[in-house]
Amino acid sequence: MVTLYQALDMILGVVYFVMIAHIVMSWLINFQVLNLRQPLVAQIWYGLNSVLEPIYSRIRRFLPNTGMLDLAPLVAFILIIILRQALRNNAGFFYSAAGF
């Protein structure tokens, strides 16, 4: 059970940092610090989009249409934080089930 806890914590941690990278990169692109015409920037941007779009598309189904403002990344980011905290608050369950 400890391995399950560690795997879930690692997955949520990776998703957390990928989302941070995506959010910061979107700001830099919108403020024209980064340019999508640069091949490396475009490759990273489209890679992050392809990884995170399945998460965002499910959340967008439940959110109201706000026009140009996309709240799906914010909602997903908050959900990841809540899931990580809930997992850490219940870590005792994983360790007690392992017999420690």
PDB file of N, CA and C in Angstrom:
ATOM      1  N   MET A   1       0.808  -1.201   0.000  1.00  0.00           N
ATOM      2  CA  MET A   1       0.000   0.000   0.000  1.00  0.00           C
ATOM      3  C   MET A   1       0.853   1.267   0.000  1.00  0.00           C
ATOM      4  N   VAL A   2       2.038   1.172   0.577  1.00  0.00           N
ATOM      5  CA  VAL A   2       2.930   2.330   0.589  1.00  0.00           C
ATOM      6  C   VAL A   2       3.324   2.687  -0.840  1.00  0.00           C
ATOM      7  N   THR A   3       3.542   1.674  -1.669  1.00  0.00           N
ATOM      8  CA  THR A   3       3.907   1.914  -3.058  1.00  0.00           C
ATOM      9  C   THR A   3       2.781   2.639  -3.795  1.00  0.00           C
ATOM     10  N   LEU A   4       1.525   2.270  -3.495  1.00  0.00           N
ATOM     11  CA  LEU A   4       0.378   2.945  -4.110  1.00  0.00           C
ATOM     12  C   LEU A   4       0.345   4.418  -3.702  1.00  0.00           C
ATOM     13  N   TYR A   5       0.577   4.680  -2.427  1.00  0.00           N
ATOM     14  CA  TYR A   5       0.617   6.065  -1.951  1.00  0.00           C
ATOM     15  C   TYR A   5       1.716   6.851  -2.665  1.00  0.00           C
ATOM     16  N   GLN A   6       2.902   6.263  -2.747  1.00  0.00           N
ATOM     17  CA  GLN A   6       4.024   6.951  -3.380  1.00  0.00           C
ATOM     18  C   GLN A   6       3.774   7.178  -4.863  1.00  0.00           C
ATOM     19  N   ALA A   7       3.158   6.203  -5.535  1.00  0.00           N
ATOM     20  CA  ALA A   7       2.861   6.356  -6.958  1.00  0.00           C
ATOM     21  C   ALA A   7       1.833   7.467  -7.186  1.00  0.00           C
ATOM     22  N   LEU A   8       0.775   7.485  -6.380  1.00  0.00           N
ATOM     23  CA  LEU A   8      -0.243   8.531  -6.520  1.00  0.00           C
ATOM     24  C   LEU A   8       0.336   9.905  -6.214  1.00  0.00           C
ATOM     25  N   ASP A   9       1.167   9.978  -5.181  1.00  0.00           N
ATOM     26  CA  ASP A   9       1.787  11.257  -4.829  1.00  0.00           C
ATOM     27  C   ASP A   9       2.714  11.736  -5.940  1.00  0.00           C
ATOM     28  N   MET A  10       3.460  10.821  -6.534  1.00  0.00           N
ATOM     29  CA  MET A  10       4.373  11.197  -7.614  1.00  0.00           C
ATOM     30  C   MET A  10       3.598  11.652  -8.856  1.00  0.00           C
ATOM     31  N   ILE A  11       2.530  10.944  -9.209  1.00  0.00           N
ATOM     32  CA  ILE A  11       1.724  11.314 -10.375  1.00  0.00           C
ATOM     33  C   ILE A  11       1.111  12.696 -10.179  1.00  0.00           C
ATOM     34  N   LEU A  12       0.539  12.938  -9.011  1.00  0.00           N
ATOM     35  CA  LEU A  12      -0.058  14.244  -8.742  1.00  0.00           C
ATOM     36  C   LEU A  12       1.002  15.338  -8.720  1.00  0.00           C
ATOM     37  N   GLY A  13       2.194  15.027  -8.225  1.00  0.00           N
ATOM     38  CA  GLY A  13       3.280  15.999  -8.223  1.00  0.00           C
ATOM     39  C   GLY A  13       3.734  16.358  -9.625  1.00  0.00           C
ATOM     40  N   VAL A  14       3.827  15.366 -10.492  1.00  0.00           N
ATOM     41  CA  VAL A  14       4.233  15.618 -11.882  1.00  0.00           C
ATOM     42  C   VAL A  14       3.170  16.455 -12.594  1.00  0.00           C
ATOM     43  N   VAL A  15       1.905  16.106 -12.415  1.00  0.00           N
ATOM     44  CA  VAL A  15       0.820  16.873 -13.039  1.00  0.00           C
ATOM     45  C   VAL A  15       0.825  18.310 -12.515  1.00  0.00           C
ATOM     46  N   TYR A  16       1.093  18.473 -11.230  1.00  0.00           N
ATOM     47  CA  TYR A  16       1.167  19.805 -10.620  1.00  0.00           C
ATOM     48  C   TYR A  16       2.224  20.663 -11.313  1.00  0.00           C
ATOM     49  N   PHE A  17       3.429  20.131 -11.486  1.00  0.00           N
ATOM     50  CA  PHE A  17       4.493  20.920 -12.099  1.00  0.00           C
ATOM     51  C   PHE A  17       4.293  21.113 -13.596  1.00  0.00           C
ATOM     52  N   VAL A  18       3.680  20.160 -14.275  1.00  0.00           N
ATOM     53  CA  VAL A  18       3.366  20.340 -15.696  1.00  0.00           C
ATOM     54  C   VAL A  18       2.339  21.456 -15.858  1.00  0.00           C
ATOM     55  N   MET A  19       1.366  21.492 -14.950  1.00  0.00           N
ATOM     56  CA  MET A  19       0.359  22.552 -15.013  1.00  0.00           C
ATOM     57  C   MET A  19       0.970  23.920 -14.713  1.00  0.00           C
ATOM     58  N   ILE A  20       1.894  23.983 -13.765  1.00  0.00           N
ATOM     59  CA  ILE A  20       2.572  25.250 -13.486  1.00  0.00           C
ATOM     60  C   ILE A  20       3.333  25.714 -14.727  1.00  0.00           C
ATOM     61  N   ALA A  21       4.052  24.791 -15.361  1.00  0.00           N
ATOM     62  CA  ALA A  21       4.796  25.145 -16.581  1.00  0.00           C
ATOM     63  C   ALA A  21       3.852  25.641 -17.669  1.00  0.00           C
ATOM     64  N   HIS A  22       2.705  24.995 -17.820  1.00  0.00           N
ATOM     65  CA  HIS A  22       1.730  25.385 -18.840  1.00  0.00           C
ATOM     66  C   HIS A  22       1.149  26.761 -18.545  1.00  0.00           C
ATOM     67  N   ILE A  23       0.817  27.015 -17.294  1.00  0.00           N
ATOM     68  CA  ILE A  23       0.226  28.299 -16.925  1.00  0.00           C
ATOM     69  C   ILE A  23       1.234  29.427 -17.119  1.00  0.00           C
ATOM     70  N   VAL A  24       2.460  29.242 -16.652  1.00  0.00           N
ATOM     71  CA  VAL A  24       3.489  30.279 -16.803  1.00  0.00           C
ATOM     72  C   VAL A  24       3.793  30.503 -18.283  1.00  0.00           C
ATOM     73  N   MET A  25       3.872  29.428 -19.038  1.00  0.00           N
ATOM     74  CA  MET A  25       4.168  29.571 -20.464  1.00  0.00           C
ATOM     75  C   MET A  25       3.034  30.294 -21.187  1.00  0.00           C
ATOM     76  N   SER A  26       1.787  30.054 -20.794  1.00  0.00           N
ATOM     77  CA  SER A  26       0.668  30.757 -21.430  1.00  0.00           C
ATOM     78  C   SER A  26       0.739  32.249 -21.142  1.00  0.00           C
ATOM     79  N   TRP A  27       1.144  32.612 -19.934  1.00  0.00           N
ATOM     80  CA  TRP A  27       1.313  34.041 -19.626  1.00  0.00           C
ATOM     81  C   TRP A  27       2.415  34.640 -20.482  1.00  0.00           C
ATOM     82  N   LEU A  28       3.539  33.939 -20.591  1.00  0.00           N
ATOM     83  CA  LEU A  28       4.664  34.459 -21.363  1.00  0.00           C
ATOM     84  C   LEU A  28       4.319  34.596 -22.846  1.00  0.00           C
ATOM     85  N   ILE A  29       3.517  33.678 -23.350  1.00  0.00           N
ATOM     86  CA  ILE A  29       3.088  33.773 -24.748  1.00  0.00           C
ATOM     87  C   ILE A  29       2.106  34.929 -24.924  1.00  0.00           C
ATOM     88  N   ASN A  30       1.166  35.076 -24.001  1.00  0.00           N
ATOM     89  CA  ASN A  30       0.183  36.161 -24.114  1.00  0.00           C
ATOM     90  C   ASN A  30       0.813  37.543 -23.972  1.00  0.00           C
ATOM     91  N   PHE A  31       1.869  37.658 -23.172  1.00  0.00           N
ATOM     92  CA  PHE A  31       2.557  38.941 -23.018  1.00  0.00           C
ATOM     93  C   PHE A  31       3.701  39.092 -24.010  1.00  0.00           C
ATOM     94  N   GLN A  32       3.755  38.212 -24.969  1.00  0.00           N
ATOM     95  CA  GLN A  32       4.699  38.226 -26.090  1.00  0.00           C
ATOM     96  C   GLN A  32       6.163  38.210 -25.647  1.00  0.00           C
ATOM     97  N   VAL A  33       6.420  37.526 -24.542  1.00  0.00           N
ATOM     98  CA  VAL A  33       7.794  37.277 -24.136  1.00  0.00           C
ATOM     99  C   VAL A  33       8.328  36.078 -24.916  1.00  0.00           C
ATOM    100  N   LEU A  34       7.451  35.085 -25.104  1.00  0.00           N
ATOM    101  CA  LEU A  34       7.777  33.924 -25.931  1.00  0.00           C
ATOM    102  C   LEU A  34       6.975  34.002 -27.226  1.00  0.00           C
ATOM    103  N   ASN A  35       7.542  33.460 -28.285  1.00  0.00           N
ATOM    104  CA  ASN A  35       6.916  33.497 -29.592  1.00  0.00           C
ATOM    105  C   ASN A  35       6.736  32.070 -30.094  1.00  0.00           C
ATOM    106  N   LEU A  36       5.514  31.737 -30.501  1.00  0.00           N
ATOM    107  CA  LEU A  36       5.238  30.388 -30.991  1.00  0.00           C
ATOM    108  C   LEU A  36       5.879  30.101 -32.342  1.00  0.00           C
ATOM    109  N   ARG A  37       6.460  31.089 -32.984  1.00  0.00           N
ATOM    110  CA  ARG A  37       7.168  30.846 -34.242  1.00  0.00           C
ATOM    111  C   ARG A  37       8.540  30.218 -34.009  1.00  0.00           C
ATOM    112  N   GLN A  38       9.014  30.283 -32.782  1.00  0.00           N
ATOM    113  CA  GLN A  38      10.264  29.605 -32.442  1.00  0.00           C
ATOM    114  C   GLN A  38       9.976  28.113 -32.306  1.00  0.00           C
ATOM    115  N   PRO A  39      10.723  27.259 -32.993  1.00  0.00           N
ATOM    116  CA  PRO A  39      10.402  25.826 -33.014  1.00  0.00           C
ATOM    117  C   PRO A  39      10.392  25.159 -31.633  1.00  0.00           C
ATOM    118  N   LEU A  40      11.354  25.480 -30.793  1.00  0.00           N
ATOM    119  CA  LEU A  40      11.412  24.848 -29.475  1.00  0.00           C
ATOM    120  C   LEU A  40      10.229  25.278 -28.610  1.00  0.00           C
ATOM    121  N   VAL A  41       9.914  26.553 -28.635  1.00  0.00           N
ATOM    122  CA  VAL A  41       8.780  27.067 -27.857  1.00  0.00           C
ATOM    123  C   VAL A  41       7.485  26.427 -28.342  1.00  0.00           C
ATOM    124  N   ALA A  42       7.301  26.351 -29.656  1.00  0.00           N
ATOM    125  CA  ALA A  42       6.085  25.750 -30.211  1.00  0.00           C
ATOM    126  C   ALA A  42       5.986  24.273 -29.843  1.00  0.00           C
ATOM    127  N   GLN A  43       7.100  23.570 -29.898  1.00  0.00           N
ATOM    128  CA  GLN A  43       7.088  22.141 -29.581  1.00  0.00           C
ATOM    129  C   GLN A  43       6.724  21.916 -28.111  1.00  0.00           C
ATOM    130  N   ILE A  44       7.305  22.693 -27.220  1.00  0.00           N
ATOM    131  CA  ILE A  44       6.980  22.559 -25.798  1.00  0.00           C
ATOM    132  C   ILE A  44       5.526  22.925 -25.546  1.00  0.00           C
ATOM    133  N   TRP A  45       5.069  24.011 -26.154  1.00  0.00           N
ATOM    134  CA  TRP A  45       3.691  24.471 -25.953  1.00  0.00           C
ATOM    135  C   TRP A  45       2.681  23.435 -26.433  1.00  0.00           C
ATOM    136  N   TYR A  46       2.863  22.911 -27.635  1.00  0.00           N
ATOM    137  CA  TYR A  46       1.915  21.932 -28.160  1.00  0.00           C
ATOM    138  C   TYR A  46       2.012  20.609 -27.408  1.00  0.00           C
ATOM    139  N   GLY A  47       3.194  20.275 -26.896  1.00  0.00           N
ATOM    140  CA  GLY A  47       3.330  19.079 -26.073  1.00  0.00           C
ATOM    141  C   GLY A  47       2.574  19.212 -24.762  1.00  0.00           C
ATOM    142  N   LEU A  48       2.722  20.356 -24.098  1.00  0.00           N
ATOM    143  CA  LEU A  48       1.985  20.586 -22.855  1.00  0.00           C
ATOM    144  C   LEU A  48       0.479  20.609 -23.101  1.00  0.00           C
ATOM    145  N   ASN A  49       0.063  21.227 -24.206  1.00  0.00           N
ATOM    146  CA  ASN A  49      -1.366  21.243 -24.533  1.00  0.00           C
ATOM    147  C   ASN A  49      -1.914  19.841 -24.763  1.00  0.00           C
ATOM    148  N   SER A  50      -1.158  19.014 -25.464  1.00  0.00           N
ATOM    149  CA  SER A  50      -1.657  17.663 -25.748  1.00  0.00           C
ATOM    150  C   SER A  50      -1.724  16.806 -24.486  1.00  0.00           C
ATOM    151  N   VAL A  51      -0.866  17.092 -23.514  1.00  0.00           N
ATOM    152  CA  VAL A  51      -0.912  16.344 -22.252  1.00  0.00           C
ATOM    153  C   VAL A  51      -2.071  16.818 -21.377  1.00  0.00           C
ATOM    154  N   LEU A  52      -2.304  18.111 -21.326  1.00  0.00           N
ATOM    155  CA  LEU A  52      -3.286  18.661 -20.396  1.00  0.00           C
ATOM    156  C   LEU A  52      -4.682  18.834 -20.972  1.00  0.00           C
ATOM    157  N   GLU A  53      -4.823  18.816 -22.278  1.00  0.00           N
ATOM    158  CA  GLU A  53      -6.140  19.041 -22.885  1.00  0.00           C
ATOM    159  C   GLU A  53      -7.190  18.002 -22.467  1.00  0.00           C
ATOM    160  N   PRO A  54      -6.853  16.715 -22.315  1.00  0.00           N
ATOM    161  CA  PRO A  54      -7.888  15.777 -21.831  1.00  0.00           C
ATOM    162  C   PRO A  54      -8.433  16.150 -20.450  1.00  0.00           C
ATOM    163  N   ILE A  55      -7.606  16.688 -19.600  1.00  0.00           N
ATOM    164  CA  ILE A  55      -8.059  17.117 -18.270  1.00  0.00           C
ATOM    165  C   ILE A  55      -8.929  18.362 -18.404  1.00  0.00           C
ATOM    166  N   TYR A  56      -8.448  19.334 -19.171  1.00  0.00           N
ATOM    167  CA  TYR A  56      -9.181  20.588 -19.315  1.00  0.00           C
ATOM    168  C   TYR A  56     -10.518  20.406 -20.023  1.00  0.00           C
ATOM    169  N   SER A  57     -10.578  19.538 -21.016  1.00  0.00           N
ATOM    170  CA  SER A  57     -11.826  19.372 -21.772  1.00  0.00           C
ATOM    171  C   SER A  57     -12.936  18.799 -20.901  1.00  0.00           C
ATOM    172  N   ARG A  58     -12.583  17.916 -19.977  1.00  0.00           N
ATOM    173  CA  ARG A  58     -13.605  17.363 -19.070  1.00  0.00           C
ATOM    174  C   ARG A  58     -14.116  18.426 -18.114  1.00  0.00           C
ATOM    175  N   ILE A  59     -13.240  19.307 -17.683  1.00  0.00           N
ATOM    176  CA  ILE A  59     -13.648  20.368 -16.757  1.00  0.00           C
ATOM    177  C   ILE A  59     -14.469  21.422 -17.485  1.00  0.00           C
ATOM    178  N   ARG A  60     -14.128  21.716 -18.742  1.00  0.00           N
ATOM    179  CA  ARG A  60     -14.865  22.740 -19.515  1.00  0.00           C
ATOM    180  C   ARG A  60     -16.332  22.365 -19.720  1.00  0.00           C
ATOM    181  N   ARG A  61     -16.637  21.077 -19.711  1.00  0.00           N
ATOM    182  CA  ARG A  61     -18.032  20.647 -19.878  1.00  0.00           C
ATOM    183  C   ARG A  61     -18.920  21.151 -18.750  1.00  0.00           C
ATOM    184  N   PHE A  62     -18.338  21.322 -17.548  1.00  0.00           N
ATOM    185  CA  PHE A  62     -19.124  21.718 -16.386  1.00  0.00           C
ATOM    186  C   PHE A  62     -19.083  23.217 -16.111  1.00  0.00           C
ATOM    187  N   LEU A  63     -18.165  23.922 -16.740  1.00  0.00           N
ATOM    188  CA  LEU A  63     -18.029  25.357 -16.502  1.00  0.00           C
ATOM    189  C   LEU A  63     -18.913  26.154 -17.454  1.00  0.00           C
ATOM    190  N   PRO A  64     -19.414  27.294 -16.991  1.00  0.00           N
ATOM    191  CA  PRO A  64     -20.183  28.148 -17.910  1.00  0.00           C
ATOM    192  C   PRO A  64     -19.261  28.795 -18.932  1.00  0.00           C
ATOM    193  N   ASN A  65     -19.825  29.171 -20.060  1.00  0.00           N
ATOM    194  CA  ASN A  65     -19.054  29.829 -21.109  1.00  0.00           C
ATOM    195  C   ASN A  65     -18.724  31.251 -20.669  1.00  0.00           C
ATOM    196  N   THR A  66     -17.430  31.550 -20.578  1.00  0.00           N
ATOM    197  CA  THR A  66     -17.002  32.878 -20.139  1.00  0.00           C
ATOM    198  C   THR A  66     -16.322  33.652 -21.251  1.00  0.00           C
ATOM    199  N   GLY A  67     -16.529  33.246 -22.482  1.00  0.00           N
ATOM    200  CA  GLY A  67     -15.951  33.955 -23.614  1.00  0.00           C
ATOM    201  C   GLY A  67     -14.474  33.678 -23.757  1.00  0.00           C
ATOM    202  N   MET A  68     -13.676  34.729 -23.719  1.00  0.00           N
ATOM    203  CA  MET A  68     -12.235  34.601 -23.922  1.00  0.00           C
ATOM    204  C   MET A  68     -11.496  34.068 -22.696  1.00  0.00           C
ATOM    205  N   LEU A  69     -12.134  34.074 -21.538  1.00  0.00           N
ATOM    206  CA  LEU A  69     -11.486  33.653 -20.300  1.00  0.00           C
ATOM    207  C   LEU A  69     -11.700  32.157 -20.086  1.00  0.00           C
ATOM    208  N   ASP A  70     -10.602  31.401 -20.047  1.00  0.00           N
ATOM    209  CA  ASP A  70     -10.663  29.962 -19.844  1.00  0.00           C
ATOM    210  C   ASP A  70     -10.324  29.657 -18.390  1.00  0.00           C
ATOM    211  N   LEU A  71     -11.321  29.212 -17.641  1.00  0.00           N
ATOM    212  CA  LEU A  71     -11.124  28.925 -16.230  1.00  0.00           C
ATOM    213  C   LEU A  71     -10.745  27.475 -15.962  1.00  0.00           C
ATOM    214  N   ALA A  72     -10.712  26.629 -16.973  1.00  0.00           N
ATOM    215  CA  ALA A  72     -10.409  25.213 -16.791  1.00  0.00           C
ATOM    216  C   ALA A  72      -9.030  24.984 -16.169  1.00  0.00           C
ATOM    217  N   PRO A  73      -7.973  25.683 -16.600  1.00  0.00           N
ATOM    218  CA  PRO A  73      -6.681  25.460 -15.940  1.00  0.00           C
ATOM    219  C   PRO A  73      -6.690  25.823 -14.451  1.00  0.00           C
ATOM    220  N   LEU A  74      -7.376  26.894 -14.096  1.00  0.00           N
ATOM    221  CA  LEU A  74      -7.462  27.290 -12.687  1.00  0.00           C
ATOM    222  C   LEU A  74      -8.201  26.239 -11.869  1.00  0.00           C
ATOM    223  N   VAL A  75      -9.325  25.760 -12.384  1.00  0.00           N
ATOM    224  CA  VAL A  75     -10.103  24.746 -11.681  1.00  0.00           C
ATOM    225  C   VAL A  75      -9.301  23.446 -11.556  1.00  0.00           C
ATOM    226  N   ALA A  76      -8.634  23.042 -12.628  1.00  0.00           N
ATOM    227  CA  ALA A  76      -7.822  21.830 -12.590  1.00  0.00           C
ATOM    228  C   ALA A  76      -6.679  21.972 -11.600  1.00  0.00           C
ATOM    229  N   PHE A  77      -6.044  23.137 -11.567  1.00  0.00           N
ATOM    230  CA  PHE A  77      -4.937  23.379 -10.647  1.00  0.00           C
ATOM    231  C   PHE A  77      -5.410  23.285  -9.196  1.00  0.00           C
ATOM    232  N   ILE A  78      -6.554  23.874  -8.901  1.00  0.00           N
ATOM    233  CA  ILE A  78      -7.112  23.810  -7.547  1.00  0.00           C
ATOM    234  C   ILE A  78      -7.481  22.374  -7.188  1.00  0.00           C
ATOM    235  N   LEU A  79      -8.043  21.635  -8.130  1.00  0.00           N
ATOM    236  CA  LEU A  79      -8.380  20.225  -7.870  1.00  0.00           C
ATOM    237  C   LEU A  79      -7.138  19.383  -7.594  1.00  0.00           C
ATOM    238  N   ILE A  80      -6.061  19.633  -8.309  1.00  0.00           N
ATOM    239  CA  ILE A  80      -4.812  18.902  -8.072  1.00  0.00           C
ATOM    240  C   ILE A  80      -4.292  19.209  -6.674  1.00  0.00           C
ATOM    241  N   ILE A  81      -4.347  20.462  -6.264  1.00  0.00           N
ATOM    242  CA  ILE A  81      -3.898  20.840  -4.922  1.00  0.00           C
ATOM    243  C   ILE A  81      -4.756  20.143  -3.867  1.00  0.00           C
ATOM    244  N   ILE A  82      -6.063  20.120  -4.062  1.00  0.00           N
ATOM    245  CA  ILE A  82      -6.965  19.464  -3.107  1.00  0.00           C
ATOM    246  C   ILE A  82      -6.688  17.964  -3.053  1.00  0.00           C
ATOM    247  N   LEU A  83      -6.495  17.331  -4.210  1.00  0.00           N
ATOM    248  CA  LEU A  83      -6.214  15.895  -4.233  1.00  0.00           C
ATOM    249  C   LEU A  83      -4.899  15.567  -3.543  1.00  0.00           C
ATOM    250  N   ARG A  84      -3.874  16.370  -3.774  1.00  0.00           N
ATOM    251  CA  ARG A  84      -2.577  16.136  -3.118  1.00  0.00           C
ATOM    252  C   ARG A  84      -2.706  16.275  -1.607  1.00  0.00           C
ATOM    253  N   GLN A  85      -3.448  17.283  -1.149  1.00  0.00           N
ATOM    254  CA  GLN A  85      -3.610  17.477   0.288  1.00  0.00           C
ATOM    255  C   GLN A  85      -4.447  16.362   0.905  1.00  0.00           C
ATOM    256  N   ALA A  86      -5.498  15.932   0.214  1.00  0.00           N
ATOM    257  CA  ALA A  86      -6.313  14.827   0.716  1.00  0.00           C
ATOM    258  C   ALA A  86      -5.499  13.541   0.793  1.00  0.00           C
ATOM    259  N   LEU A  87      -4.658  13.305  -0.189  1.00  0.00           N
ATOM    260  CA  LEU A  87      -3.804  12.120  -0.171  1.00  0.00           C
ATOM    261  C   LEU A  87      -2.835  12.183   1.001  1.00  0.00           C
ATOM    262  N   ARG A  88      -2.238  13.322   1.238  1.00  0.00           N
ATOM    263  CA  ARG A  88      -1.290  13.456   2.349  1.00  0.00           C
ATOM    264  C   ARG A  88      -1.982  13.379   3.708  1.00  0.00           C
ATOM    265  N   ASN A  89      -3.209  13.892   3.804  1.00  0.00           N
ATOM    266  CA  ASN A  89      -3.944  13.804   5.064  1.00  0.00           C
ATOM    267  C   ASN A  89      -4.336  12.371   5.397  1.00  0.00           C
ATOM    268  N   ASN A  90      -4.460  11.539   4.377  1.00  0.00           N
ATOM    269  CA  ASN A  90      -4.838  10.142   4.582  1.00  0.00           C
ATOM    270  C   ASN A  90      -3.671   9.187   4.390  1.00  0.00           C
ATOM    271  N   ALA A  91      -2.458   9.689   4.507  1.00  0.00           N
ATOM    272  CA  ALA A  91      -1.268   8.840   4.338  1.00  0.00           C
ATOM    273  C   ALA A  91      -1.221   7.750   5.391  1.00  0.00           C
ATOM    274  N   GLY A  92      -1.754   8.013   6.565  1.00  0.00           N
ATOM    275  CA  GLY A  92      -1.776   6.992   7.621  1.00  0.00           C
ATOM    276  C   GLY A  92      -2.493   5.734   7.205  1.00  0.00           C
ATOM    277  N   PHE A  93      -3.516   5.867   6.388  1.00  0.00           N
ATOM    278  CA  PHE A  93      -4.234   4.687   5.900  1.00  0.00           C
ATOM    279  C   PHE A  93      -3.314   3.779   5.087  1.00  0.00           C
ATOM    280  N   PHE A  94      -2.492   4.375   4.261  1.00  0.00           N
ATOM    281  CA  PHE A  94      -1.590   3.587   3.418  1.00  0.00           C
ATOM    282  C   PHE A  94      -0.502   2.918   4.245  1.00  0.00           C
ATOM    283  N   TYR A  95      -0.014   3.626   5.267  1.00  0.00           N
ATOM    284  CA  TYR A  95       1.069   3.069   6.065  1.00  0.00           C
ATOM    285  C   TYR A  95       0.545   2.056   7.078  1.00  0.00           C
ATOM    286  N   SER A  96      -0.654   2.269   7.618  1.00  0.00           N
ATOM    287  CA  SER A  96      -1.190   1.299   8.583  1.00  0.00           C
ATOM    288  C   SER A  96      -1.621   0.014   7.879  1.00  0.00           C
ATOM    289  N   ALA A  97      -2.065   0.129   6.653  1.00  0.00           N
ATOM    290  CA  ALA A  97      -2.461  -1.066   5.905  1.00  0.00           C
ATOM    291  C   ALA A  97      -1.245  -1.901   5.512  1.00  0.00           C
ATOM    292  N   ALA A  98      -0.070  -1.296   5.507  1.00  0.00           N
ATOM    293  CA  ALA A  98       1.150  -2.010   5.148  1.00  0.00           C
ATOM    294  C   ALA A  98       1.754  -2.728   6.348  1.00  0.00           C
ATOM    295  N   GLY A  99       1.246  -2.465   7.541  1.00  0.00           N
ATOM    296  CA  GLY A  99       1.745  -3.148   8.721  1.00  0.00           C
ATOM    297  C   GLY A  99       2.901  -2.458   9.400  1.00  0.00           C
ATOM    298  N   PHE A 100       3.080  -1.165   9.172  1.00  0.00           N
ATOM    299  CA  PHE A 100       4.174  -0.433   9.823  1.00  0.00           C
ATOM    300  C   PHE A 100       3.745   0.050  11.174  1.00  0.00           C
TER     301      PHE A 100
END
